[in-house]
C-alpha atoms as a PDB file:
ATOM      1  CA  MET A   1     -46.154  85.630  23.432  1.00  0.00           C
ATOM      2  CA  ASP A   2     -43.534  86.295  25.321  1.00  0.00           C
ATOM      3  CA  GLN A   3     -43.869  84.857  28.910  1.00  0.00           C
ATOM      4  CA  LYS A   4     -43.949  87.138  31.493  1.00  0.00           C
ATOM      5  CA  PHE A   5     -44.001  87.077  34.920  1.00  0.00           C
ATOM      6  CA  TYR A   6     -45.023  89.871  38.144  1.00  0.00           C
ATOM      7  CA  ILE A   7     -42.622  90.390  41.245  1.00  0.00           C
ATOM      8  CA  ALA A   8     -45.173  91.711  44.010  1.00  0.00           C
ATOM      9  CA  SER A   9     -42.348  93.253  45.647  1.00  0.00           C
ATOM     10  CA  CYS A  10     -41.648  92.131  49.866  1.00  0.00           C
ATOM     11  CA  ILE A  11     -41.397  96.153  50.677  1.00  0.00           C
ATOM     12  CA  PHE A  12     -44.443  97.439  48.852  1.00  0.00           C
ATOM     13  CA  THR A  13     -46.467  94.438  49.857  1.00  0.00           C
ATOM     14  CA  GLU A  14     -45.534  95.553  53.452  1.00  0.00           C
ATOM     15  CA  ASP A  15     -46.558  99.029  52.972  1.00  0.00           C
ATOM     16  CA  PHE A  16     -49.484  98.400  51.065  1.00  0.00           C
ATOM     17  CA  PRO A  17     -50.441  94.820  51.300  1.00  0.00           C
ATOM     18  CA  ALA A  18     -54.369  95.558  50.207  1.00  0.00           C
ATOM     19  CA  LEU A  19     -53.445  97.095  47.513  1.00  0.00           C
ATOM     20  CA  SER A  20     -50.797  95.353  46.726  1.00  0.00           C
ATOM     21  CA  GLN A  21     -53.592  92.106  46.961  1.00  0.00           C
ATOM     22  CA  LYS A  22     -55.886  94.344  44.349  1.00  0.00           C
ATOM     23  CA  ILE A  23     -52.845  94.755  41.880  1.00  0.00           C
ATOM     24  CA  GLN A  24     -52.231  90.744  42.213  1.00  0.00           C
ATOM     25  CA  ASP A  25     -55.664  90.122  41.310  1.00  0.00           C
ATOM     26  CA  TYR A  26     -55.863  92.574  38.582  1.00  0.00           C
ATOM     27  CA  ILE A  27     -52.321  90.684  36.534  1.00  0.00           C
ATOM     28  CA  ALA A  28     -53.902  87.309  37.462  1.00  0.00           C
ATOM     29  CA  ARG A  29     -57.271  88.073  36.356  1.00  0.00           C
ATOM     30  CA  ARG A  30     -56.532  90.683  33.112  1.00  0.00           C
ATOM     31  CA  PHE A  31     -53.156  89.171  32.436  1.00  0.00           C
ATOM     32  CA  GLU A  32     -52.639  85.357  33.587  1.00  0.00           C
ATOM     33  CA  LEU A  33     -49.685  86.037  34.544  1.00  0.00           C
ATOM     34  CA  PRO A  34     -47.453  84.226  37.553  1.00  0.00           C
ATOM     35  CA  ILE A  35     -46.726  86.205  40.608  1.00  0.00           C
ATOM     36  CA  ILE A  36     -43.754  85.502  43.524  1.00  0.00           C
ATOM     37  CA  ARG A  37     -42.487  87.550  45.720  1.00  0.00           C
ATOM     38  CA  CYS A  38     -39.070  88.490  45.317  1.00  0.00           C
ATOM     39  CA  CYS A  39     -36.403  89.723  42.608  1.00  0.00           C
ATOM     40  CA  VAL A  40     -33.664  87.064  45.022  1.00  0.00           C
ATOM     41  CA  ASP A  41     -34.032  83.581  45.658  1.00  0.00           C
ATOM     42  CA  LYS A  42     -34.501  82.742  49.836  1.00  0.00           C
ATOM     43  CA  TYR A  43     -34.022  86.722  50.714  1.00  0.00           C
ATOM     44  CA  LYS A  44     -35.271  87.273  54.261  1.00  0.00           C
ATOM     45  CA  VAL A  45     -38.400  85.089  53.203  1.00  0.00           C
ATOM     46  CA  GLU A  46     -39.997  83.930  56.926  1.00  0.00           C
ATOM     47  CA  GLU A  47     -38.532  87.584  58.037  1.00  0.00           C
ATOM     48  CA  PHE A  48     -41.074  89.462  55.162  1.00  0.00           C
ATOM     49  CA  GLU A  49     -43.478  87.067  56.396  1.00  0.00           C
ATOM     50  CA  GLN A  50     -44.213  88.242  59.873  1.00  0.00           C
ATOM     51  CA  ARG A  51     -43.266  91.711  58.976  1.00  0.00           C
ATOM     52  CA  MET A  52     -47.052  91.308  57.275  1.00  0.00           C
ATOM     53  CA  PRO A  53     -50.122  92.475  58.967  1.00  0.00           C
ATOM     54  CA  GLU A  54     -51.725  89.184  60.495  1.00  0.00           C
ATOM     55  CA  TRP A  55     -54.438  89.565  58.224  1.00  0.00           C
ATOM     56  CA  TYR A  56     -52.551  88.975  55.098  1.00  0.00           C
ATOM     57  CA  ARG A  57     -49.702  86.575  56.370  1.00  0.00           C
ATOM     58  CA  ALA A  58     -51.462  83.335  54.982  1.00  0.00           C
ATOM     59  CA  GLN A  59     -52.092  85.034  51.258  1.00  0.00           C
ATOM     60  CA  TRP A  60     -48.592  86.006  51.222  1.00  0.00           C
ATOM     61  CA  ARG A  61     -47.233  82.608  52.039  1.00  0.00           C
ATOM     62  CA  SER A  62     -49.420  81.482  49.194  1.00  0.00           C
ATOM     63  CA  ILE A  63     -47.148  83.069  46.964  1.00  0.00           C
ATOM     64  CA  PRO A  64     -43.803  81.516  45.219  1.00  0.00           C
ATOM     65  CA  HIS A  65     -41.002  83.333  46.858  1.00  0.00           C
ATOM     66  CA  PHE A  66     -38.865  83.097  43.824  1.00  0.00           C
ATOM     67  CA  GLU A  67     -39.076  81.352  40.534  1.00  0.00           C
ATOM     68  CA  THR A  68     -36.101  80.889  37.630  1.00  0.00           C
ATOM     69  CA  PHE A  69     -37.563  81.456  34.471  1.00  0.00           C
ATOM     70  CA  PRO A  70     -36.281  81.281  31.060  1.00  0.00           C
ATOM     71  CA  ARG A  71     -34.424  82.986  28.833  1.00  0.00           C
ATOM     72  CA  GLY A  72     -35.919  85.881  27.201  1.00  0.00           C
ATOM     73  CA  ALA A  73     -38.751  85.923  29.428  1.00  0.00           C
ATOM     74  CA  THR A  74     -40.150  89.462  30.566  1.00  0.00           C
ATOM     75  CA  MET A  75     -40.096  90.332  34.725  1.00  0.00           C
ATOM     76  CA  VAL A  76     -42.903  92.725  35.462  1.00  0.00           C
ATOM     77  CA  SER A  77     -42.350  94.970  38.593  1.00  0.00           C
ATOM     78  CA  LEU A  78     -43.369  98.321  40.378  1.00  0.00           C
ATOM     79  CA  CYS A  79     -40.706  98.275  42.640  1.00  0.00           C
ATOM     80  CA  HIS A  80     -36.963 100.024  41.347  1.00  0.00           C
ATOM     81  CA  ASN A  81     -34.741  97.642  43.447  1.00  0.00           C
ATOM     82  CA  CYS A  82     -36.306  94.657  41.430  1.00  0.00           C
ATOM     83  CA  ALA A  83     -35.521  96.102  38.384  1.00  0.00           C
ATOM     84  CA  ALA A  84     -32.207  97.365  38.836  1.00  0.00           C
ATOM     85  CA  ILE A  85     -30.920  93.915  40.292  1.00  0.00           C
ATOM     86  CA  PHE A  86     -32.799  91.803  37.127  1.00  0.00           C
ATOM     87  CA  GLU A  87     -30.922  94.093  34.558  1.00  0.00           C
ATOM     88  CA  GLU A  88     -27.324  93.543  36.583  1.00  0.00           C
ATOM     89  CA  ARG A  89     -28.167  90.045  37.643  1.00  0.00           C
ATOM     90  CA  HIS A  90     -30.370  88.719  34.696  1.00  0.00           C
ATOM     91  CA  PRO A  91     -29.418  91.010  31.681  1.00  0.00           C
ATOM     92  CA  GLU A  92     -30.997  87.499  29.493  1.00  0.00           C
ATOM     93  CA  ILE A  93     -34.745  88.640  31.463  1.00  0.00           C
ATOM     94  CA  GLU A  94     -36.705  91.388  29.688  1.00  0.00           C
ATOM     95  CA  ARG A  95     -37.936  94.326  32.460  1.00  0.00           C
ATOM     96  CA  GLN A  96     -41.166  96.184  32.207  1.00  0.00           C
ATOM     97  CA  SER A  97     -42.679  98.263  35.002  1.00  0.00           C
ATOM     98  CA  LEU A  98     -46.364  97.855  36.032  1.00  0.00           C
ATOM     99  CA  TRP A  99     -47.256 100.956  34.184  1.00  0.00           C
ATOM    100  CA  GLU A 100     -45.987  99.968  30.776  1.00  0.00           C
ATOM    101  CA  LEU A 101     -48.217  96.634  31.423  1.00  0.00           C
ATOM    102  CA  ILE A 102     -51.465  98.522  32.606  1.00  0.00           C
ATOM    103  CA  LEU A 103     -51.182 100.718  29.250  1.00  0.00           C
ATOM    104  CA  SER A 104     -51.369  97.971  26.872  1.00  0.00           C
ATOM    105  CA  ASP A 105     -54.541  97.098  28.567  1.00  0.00           C
ATOM    106  CA  GLU A 106     -57.350  98.812  26.497  1.00  0.00           C
ATOM    107  CA  GLN A 107     -60.291  97.757  28.852  1.00  0.00           C
ATOM    108  CA  PHE A 108     -58.119  99.277  31.775  1.00  0.00           C
ATOM    109  CA  GLN A 109     -60.722 102.142  33.380  1.00  0.00           C
ATOM    110  CA  TYR A 110     -58.549 105.089  34.733  1.00  0.00           C
ATOM    111  CA  PRO A 111     -60.314 107.352  37.288  1.00  0.00           C
ATOM    112  CA  ASP A 112     -60.759 110.709  36.115  1.00  0.00           C
ATOM    113  CA  LEU A 113     -58.871 113.541  38.114  1.00  0.00           C
ATOM    114  CA  GLY A 114     -61.198 116.250  36.530  1.00  0.00           C
ATOM    115  CA  GLY A 115     -57.820 118.502  34.835  1.00  0.00           C
ATOM    116  CA  GLU A 116     -56.397 118.581  38.623  1.00  0.00           C
ATOM    117  CA  CYS A 117     -52.632 120.707  38.510  1.00  0.00           C
ATOM    118  CA  ILE A 118     -50.333 117.338  39.972  1.00  0.00           C
ATOM    119  CA  THR A 119     -46.671 117.634  40.176  1.00  0.00           C
ATOM    120  CA  ILE A 120     -44.683 113.950  39.513  1.00  0.00           C
ATOM    121  CA  GLN A 121     -41.975 113.219  41.065  1.00  0.00           C
ATOM    122  CA  ASP A 122     -39.328 111.255  39.652  1.00  0.00           C
ATOM    123  CA  CYS A 123     -37.199 108.483  41.498  1.00  0.00           C
ATOM    124  CA  TRP A 124     -33.439 108.269  41.087  1.00  0.00           C
ATOM    125  CA  ARG A 125     -33.416 104.455  41.611  1.00  0.00           C
ATOM    126  CA  SER A 126     -35.027 104.423  37.651  1.00  0.00           C
ATOM    127  CA  LYS A 127     -34.044 107.788  36.512  1.00  0.00           C
ATOM    128  CA  GLU A 128     -32.488 106.269  33.114  1.00  0.00           C
ATOM    129  CA  ASN A 129     -35.823 104.165  31.913  1.00  0.00           C
ATOM    130  CA  ARG A 130     -37.200 106.690  29.960  1.00  0.00           C
ATOM    131  CA  ALA A 131     -40.116 103.625  29.173  1.00  0.00           C
ATOM    132  CA  GLU A 132     -41.186 103.605  32.764  1.00  0.00           C
ATOM    133  CA  GLN A 133     -41.456 107.691  32.936  1.00  0.00           C
ATOM    134  CA  ASP A 134     -42.947 108.042  29.412  1.00  0.00           C
ATOM    135  CA  ALA A 135     -45.738 105.158  30.760  1.00  0.00           C
ATOM    136  CA  VAL A 136     -46.246 106.677  34.183  1.00  0.00           C
ATOM    137  CA  ARG A 137     -47.140 110.857  32.015  1.00  0.00           C
ATOM    138  CA  SER A 138     -49.389 108.808  29.458  1.00  0.00           C
ATOM    139  CA  ILE A 139     -51.289 107.304  32.255  1.00  0.00           C
ATOM    140  CA  LEU A 140     -51.532 110.357  33.906  1.00  0.00           C
ATOM    141  CA  ARG A 141     -52.685 112.215  31.204  1.00  0.00           C
ATOM    142  CA  ARG A 142     -56.208 109.306  30.754  1.00  0.00           C
ATOM    143  CA  MET A 143     -56.434 110.122  34.232  1.00  0.00           C
ATOM    144  CA  ASN A 144     -56.960 113.446  33.111  1.00  0.00           C
ATOM    145  CA  VAL A 145     -54.443 115.233  35.204  1.00  0.00           C
ATOM    146  CA  SER A 146     -52.424 118.412  34.142  1.00  0.00           C
ATOM    147  CA  ILE A 147     -48.948 117.166  34.943  1.00  0.00           C
ATOM    148  CA  VAL A 148     -46.268 119.747  36.552  1.00  0.00           C
ATOM    149  CA  GLU A 149     -43.055 118.760  36.173  1.00  0.00           C
ATOM    150  CA  LEU A 150     -39.883 119.338  38.253  1.00  0.00           C
ATOM    151  CA  GLU A 151     -36.726 120.779  36.658  1.00  0.00           C
ATOM    152  CA  GLU A 152     -34.899 117.882  38.295  1.00  0.00           C
ATOM    153  CA  ASN A 153     -37.210 115.521  36.404  1.00  0.00           C
ATOM    154  CA  HIS A 154     -36.154 112.290  34.185  1.00  0.00           C
ATOM    155  CA  GLU A 155     -32.173 111.432  34.473  1.00  0.00           C
ATOM    156  CA  ARG A 156     -31.504 114.444  36.276  1.00  0.00           C
ATOM    157  CA  THR A 157     -33.795 113.024  39.487  1.00  0.00           C
ATOM    158  CA  ARG A 158     -31.760 112.551  42.994  1.00  0.00           C
ATOM    159  CA  PHE A 159     -34.573 111.884  44.356  1.00  0.00           C
ATOM    160  CA  CYS A 160     -35.760 108.662  46.471  1.00  0.00           C
ATOM    161  CA  GLY A 161     -36.566 109.907  49.976  1.00  0.00           C
ATOM    162  CA  TYR A 162     -35.085 109.041  53.050  1.00  0.00           C
ATOM    163  CA  SER A 163     -33.926 106.148  51.904  1.00  0.00           C
ATOM    164  CA  LEU A 164     -30.550 107.932  49.881  1.00  0.00           C
ATOM    165  CA  TYR A 165     -29.583 109.471  53.628  1.00  0.00           C
ATOM    166  CA  GLN A 166     -29.466 105.784  55.343  1.00  0.00           C
ATOM    167  CA  PRO A 167     -26.841 102.828  54.700  1.00  0.00           C
ATOM    168  CA  GLN A 168     -28.845 100.344  51.966  1.00  0.00           C
ATOM    169  CA  PRO A 169     -29.171  96.882  52.647  1.00  0.00           C
ATOM    170  CA  LYS A 170     -26.215  94.796  51.812  1.00  0.00           C
ATOM    171  CA  ARG A 171     -27.850  92.858  49.253  1.00  0.00           C
ATOM    172  CA  ASN A 172     -28.675  96.101  47.056  1.00  0.00           C
ATOM    173  CA  ALA A 173     -25.076  96.401  46.367  1.00  0.00           C
ATOM    174  CA  LYS A 174     -23.818  93.204  46.256  1.00  0.00           C
ATOM    175  CA  LEU A 175     -26.208  92.515  43.472  1.00  0.00           C
ATOM    176  CA  ALA A 176     -26.461  95.774  41.582  1.00  0.00           C
ATOM    177  CA  PRO A 177     -23.328  97.414  41.992  1.00  0.00           C
ATOM    178  CA  LYS A 178     -23.211 100.084  38.957  1.00  0.00           C
ATOM    179  CA  ARG A 179     -26.849 101.205  40.180  1.00  0.00           C
ATOM    180  CA  PHE A 180     -25.820 101.226  43.954  1.00  0.00           C
ATOM    181  CA  VAL A 181     -22.315 101.598  44.436  1.00  0.00           C
ATOM    182  CA  GLU A 182     -20.881 103.031  41.386  1.00  0.00           C
ATOM    183  CA  GLY A 183     -23.626 105.179  40.226  1.00  0.00           C
ATOM    184  CA  ALA A 184     -24.445 105.935  44.067  1.00  0.00           C
ATOM    185  CA  LYS A 185     -21.232 108.332  45.103  1.00  0.00           C
ATOM    186  CA  GLY A 186     -22.308 110.098  48.297  1.00  0.00           C
ATOM    187  CA  PHE A 187     -25.455 108.729  48.913  1.00  0.00           C
ATOM    188  CA  PHE A 188     -26.515 105.780  51.531  1.00  0.00           C
ATOM    189  CA  GLU A 189     -24.463 107.979  54.073  1.00  0.00           C
ATOM    190  CA  PRO A 190     -26.307 107.415  57.455  1.00  0.00           C
ATOM    191  CA  HIS A 191     -28.010 110.173  58.783  1.00  0.00           C
ATOM    192  CA  SER A 192     -30.277 111.061  61.708  1.00  0.00           C
ATOM    193  CA  ASP A 193     -33.882 110.602  61.860  1.00  0.00           C
ATOM    194  CA  ASP A 194     -33.382 114.923  62.493  1.00  0.00           C
ATOM    195  CA  GLU A 195     -31.380 115.276  60.054  1.00  0.00           C
ATOM    196  CA  LYS A 196     -33.341 113.445  57.269  1.00  0.00           C
ATOM    197  CA  ARG A 197     -36.696 115.291  58.411  1.00  0.00           C
ATOM    198  CA  ARG A 198     -34.773 118.620  57.628  1.00  0.00           C
ATOM    199  CA  LEU A 199     -33.717 117.429  54.083  1.00  0.00           C
ATOM    200  CA  MET A 200     -37.191 115.976  53.234  1.00  0.00           C
ATOM    201  CA  VAL A 201     -39.066 119.387  54.470  1.00  0.00           C
ATOM    202  CA  GLU A 202     -36.201 121.257  52.951  1.00  0.00           C
ATOM    203  CA  TYR A 203     -36.870 119.264  49.386  1.00  0.00           C
ATOM    204  CA  CYS A 204     -40.434 119.130  49.280  1.00  0.00           C
ATOM    205  CA  ARG A 205     -40.489 123.460  50.073  1.00  0.00           C
ATOM    206  CA  GLN A 206     -40.107 123.299  46.006  1.00  0.00           C
ATOM    207  CA  PHE A 207     -43.338 122.220  45.495  1.00  0.00           C
ATOM    208  CA  GLU A 208     -46.531 124.235  44.532  1.00  0.00           C
ATOM    209  CA  THR A 209     -49.211 121.951  43.648  1.00  0.00           C
ATOM    210  CA  PRO A 210     -51.512 120.318  46.206  1.00  0.00           C
ATOM    211  CA  ARG A 211     -50.774 116.720  45.648  1.00  0.00           C
ATOM    212  CA  VAL A 212     -47.492 115.113  44.240  1.00  0.00           C
ATOM    213  CA  ILE A 213     -47.884 111.493  42.563  1.00  0.00           C
ATOM    214  CA  CYS A 214     -44.346 109.287  42.715  1.00  0.00           C
ATOM    215  CA  TYR A 215     -44.152 105.871  41.675  1.00  0.00           C
ATOM    216  CA  CYS A 216     -41.806 104.451  44.443  1.00  0.00           C
ATOM    217  CA  HIS A 217     -42.714 103.496  47.739  1.00  0.00           C
ATOM    218  CA  TYR A 218     -39.283 105.113  49.310  1.00  0.00           C
ATOM    219  CA  CYS A 219     -39.907 108.343  47.520  1.00  0.00           C
ATOM    220  CA  LEU A 220     -43.502 108.167  49.267  1.00  0.00           C
ATOM    221  CA  ARG A 221     -41.760 108.192  52.624  1.00  0.00           C
ATOM    222  CA  GLY A 222     -40.038 111.282  52.030  1.00  0.00           C
ATOM    223  CA  LEU A 223     -42.589 113.163  50.555  1.00  0.00           C
ATOM    224  CA  LYS A 224     -44.610 112.001  53.207  1.00  0.00           C
ATOM    225  CA  LEU A 225     -41.903 112.830  55.744  1.00  0.00           C
ATOM    226  CA  GLY A 226     -41.335 116.441  54.055  1.00  0.00           C
ATOM    227  CA  GLY A 227     -44.971 117.583  54.852  1.00  0.00           C
ATOM    228  CA  VAL A 228     -46.537 116.837  51.040  1.00  0.00           C
ATOM    229  CA  ASP A 229     -49.429 115.558  49.946  1.00  0.00           C
ATOM    230  CA  GLY A 230     -48.233 112.727  48.001  1.00  0.00           C
ATOM    231  CA  HIS A 231     -49.911 109.443  46.729  1.00  0.00           C
ATOM    232  CA  HIS A 232     -48.160 106.601  44.987  1.00  0.00           C
ATOM    233  CA  LEU A 233     -49.835 106.010  41.490  1.00  0.00           C
ATOM    234  CA  ALA A 234     -50.763 102.570  42.301  1.00  0.00           C
ATOM    235  CA  ARG A 235     -53.402 103.826  44.891  1.00  0.00           C
ATOM    236  CA  LEU A 236     -54.661 106.505  42.259  1.00  0.00           C
ATOM    237  CA  LEU A 237     -55.353 103.640  39.715  1.00  0.00           C
ATOM    238  CA  PHE A 238     -56.632 101.128  41.803  1.00  0.00           C
ATOM    239  CA  ASP A 239     -58.086 102.840  45.043  1.00  0.00           C
ATOM    240  CA  SER A 240     -61.416 104.274  44.321  1.00  0.00           C
ATOM    241  CA  GLU A 241     -61.223 106.614  47.289  1.00  0.00           C
ATOM    242  CA  VAL A 242     -57.834 108.508  46.936  1.00  0.00           C
END
């Protein structure tokens, strides 16, 4: 079996520490994969530790920050920044989304959403990753969701919340220039908070279902700012009360 490891994601974990830990516990228990925090060695280690809530800080510190894995290993992630950086910086490492990994688990217990019509929002940062997009839709069908597609879906999407309307971290442009420089013409320009809110509200007017599902933490921030009842797919899978 090929060696795999899971990147917990600094940003996702900062937004959802308890949920991130549930996912880590599941991956460790079900797949026994090694878990690391970040896709870049020595990147803002102490800063992200301090940004975690105090109750989770010690647990986060206990996770190795980064490891170098052998050629042909597979990195599993739910963060599209991590995937893009590994794609360009570590082409010798295979990539797999968390959703594809979950689909491989024949024992996974999917919640039943009773045939609810929910819109799926694809992410610009992963717009060509059809394997991930198909896995997301397969999971939704197993959750008994009636999927509503946007016209700008799959590779046509140009949405990643308001993250595309503000300067990006310099490391992204440096480590994944094909994605974040060459492929990002017109994005990552500064906008005021009012402008970002207006853009998100305008975008969200197209939704006709009460709920929208995404699988990117930046997309979710944008949906929330636009006034939509948005949910990260991970929450629907691992938080029974949602």
